[in-house]
């Protein structure tokens, strides 16, 4: 059985990890790390210590009323995408351990298209 890195839990909620096929399980936010445990296979887990997180990017819609998913960018191990039942509450709990300048909004679909067109115009 896997040992949790956390000594105190702030939030536990159901969540989905988007790595290849979607995996369902529990997201735990505590004093030492962000943790995801798969519900079907207890040996399939992710533990990301707070000092390993570079930044977090969240998809924000309708002026902040809806946050469908967020991505955790680590310093060495890549990107992990998650969604929970309560994404807003999850990000508020994460904000206790990650500074606000490292919590970012991901660009919208139209923002990406606009940036691509502007890049093409300025390239010529």
Protein backbone atom coordinates (compact mmCIF):
# COMPACT_ATOMS: atom_id res chain seq x y z
CA UNK A 1 0.00 0.00 0.00
CA UNK A 2 1.17 3.51 -0.78
CA UNK A 3 2.03 5.97 1.96
CA UNK A 4 0.66 9.48 1.63
CA UNK A 5 3.16 12.34 1.67
CA UNK A 6 0.71 14.57 3.54
CA UNK A 7 0.46 14.74 7.31
CA UNK A 8 -2.68 16.92 7.21
CA UNK A 9 -5.37 16.91 4.50
CA UNK A 10 -7.15 20.12 3.52
CA UNK A 11 -9.40 18.73 0.78
CA UNK A 12 -10.38 15.32 -0.55
CA UNK A 13 -12.64 15.06 -3.58
CA UNK A 14 -13.43 12.81 -6.52
CA UNK A 15 -11.43 13.59 -9.62
CA UNK A 16 -10.37 12.59 -13.12
CA UNK A 17 -6.85 12.50 -14.49
CA UNK A 18 -6.48 13.05 -18.23
CA UNK A 19 -3.37 11.08 -19.19
CA UNK A 20 -4.07 9.00 -22.28
CA UNK A 21 -7.28 7.35 -21.18
CA UNK A 22 -9.15 9.05 -18.36
CA UNK A 23 -8.55 7.66 -14.90
CA UNK A 24 -11.00 8.18 -12.07
CA UNK A 25 -10.07 8.39 -8.43
CA UNK A 26 -9.53 10.65 -5.45
CA UNK A 27 -7.66 13.96 -5.35
CA UNK A 28 -6.11 14.86 -2.02
CA UNK A 29 -4.62 18.23 -1.18
CA UNK A 30 -2.56 18.45 1.98
CA UNK A 31 0.30 20.26 3.64
CA UNK A 32 3.08 18.52 1.66
CA UNK A 33 1.72 17.49 -1.78
CA UNK A 34 -1.00 17.17 -4.39
CA UNK A 35 -2.01 13.51 -4.62
CA UNK A 36 -4.19 11.48 -6.99
CA UNK A 37 -5.08 7.85 -6.28
CA UNK A 38 -6.77 5.66 -8.89
CA UNK A 39 -9.95 4.01 -7.59
CA UNK A 40 -9.47 0.75 -9.50
CA UNK A 41 -5.75 0.21 -8.98
CA UNK A 42 -4.33 1.48 -5.67
CA UNK A 43 -0.79 1.13 -7.05
CA UNK A 44 -1.60 3.68 -9.79
CA UNK A 45 -1.09 7.03 -8.09
CA UNK A 46 0.55 10.42 -8.55
CA UNK A 47 2.14 12.40 -5.74
CA UNK A 48 3.42 15.86 -6.63
CA UNK A 49 5.21 17.73 -3.82
CA UNK A 50 4.50 21.47 -3.68
CA UNK A 51 8.14 22.42 -4.31
CA UNK A 52 8.13 20.33 -7.54
CA UNK A 53 5.24 22.33 -9.09
CA UNK A 54 6.35 25.05 -11.51
CA UNK A 55 2.89 26.52 -12.19
CA UNK A 56 -0.77 25.59 -12.57
CA UNK A 57 -2.90 26.59 -15.54
CA UNK A 58 -6.70 26.54 -15.38
CA UNK A 59 -9.24 26.79 -18.20
CA UNK A 60 -11.61 29.57 -17.10
CA UNK A 61 -14.99 30.12 -18.80
CA UNK A 62 -17.82 32.60 -18.41
CA UNK A 63 -15.78 35.11 -16.41
CA UNK A 64 -14.69 32.60 -13.78
CA UNK A 65 -18.03 30.93 -13.12
CA UNK A 66 -16.89 27.66 -14.71
CA UNK A 67 -13.49 25.97 -14.49
CA UNK A 68 -13.71 22.67 -16.39
CA UNK A 69 -10.11 21.48 -15.80
CA UNK A 70 -6.66 22.49 -14.69
CA UNK A 71 -3.13 21.37 -15.54
CA UNK A 72 -0.17 21.05 -13.20
CA UNK A 73 3.19 21.81 -14.81
CA UNK A 74 6.10 20.28 -12.90
CA UNK A 75 9.75 21.28 -13.02
CA UNK A 76 11.02 17.90 -14.24
CA UNK A 77 8.24 15.40 -14.95
CA UNK A 78 5.97 17.20 -17.43
CA UNK A 79 2.31 18.14 -17.33
CA UNK A 80 -0.62 16.48 -15.57
CA UNK A 81 -4.25 17.43 -16.38
CA UNK A 82 -7.02 16.99 -13.83
CA UNK A 83 -10.66 17.77 -13.26
CA UNK A 84 -12.52 17.43 -10.00
CA UNK A 85 -16.14 17.72 -9.02
CA UNK A 86 -15.32 21.04 -7.35
CA UNK A 87 -12.50 22.62 -9.37
CA UNK A 88 -12.96 26.09 -7.90
CA UNK A 89 -12.70 24.79 -4.34
CA UNK A 90 -9.74 22.61 -5.33
CA UNK A 91 -7.83 25.57 -6.77
CA UNK A 92 -8.60 27.63 -3.67
CA UNK A 93 -7.10 24.88 -1.51
CA UNK A 94 -4.04 24.74 -3.78
CA UNK A 95 -3.67 28.53 -3.48
CA UNK A 96 -2.70 28.04 0.17
CA UNK A 97 0.54 26.33 -0.95
CA UNK A 98 1.25 27.77 -4.42
CA UNK A 99 1.69 31.57 -4.77
CA UNK A 100 -0.97 33.40 -6.78
CA UNK A 101 1.56 34.46 -9.44
CA UNK A 102 2.04 30.78 -10.38
CA UNK A 103 -1.72 30.12 -10.79
CA UNK A 104 -2.45 31.09 -14.40
CA UNK A 105 -5.38 31.19 -16.80
CA UNK A 106 -4.87 29.05 -19.87
CA UNK A 107 -5.55 30.81 -23.17
CA UNK A 108 -9.00 30.39 -24.68
CA UNK A 109 -9.62 28.84 -28.08
CA UNK A 110 -10.05 32.25 -29.70
CA UNK A 111 -7.00 33.58 -27.88
CA UNK A 112 -4.87 30.83 -29.40
CA UNK A 113 -6.30 31.54 -32.89
CA UNK A 114 -5.69 35.28 -32.48
CA UNK A 115 -2.11 34.73 -31.34
CA UNK A 116 -1.47 32.42 -34.32
CA UNK A 117 -2.82 34.95 -36.81
CA UNK A 118 -0.82 37.78 -35.26
CA UNK A 119 2.29 35.61 -35.38
CA UNK A 120 1.73 34.99 -39.10
CA UNK A 121 1.24 38.71 -39.78
CA UNK A 122 4.34 39.79 -37.85
CA UNK A 123 6.47 37.04 -39.38
CA UNK A 124 6.30 38.51 -42.86
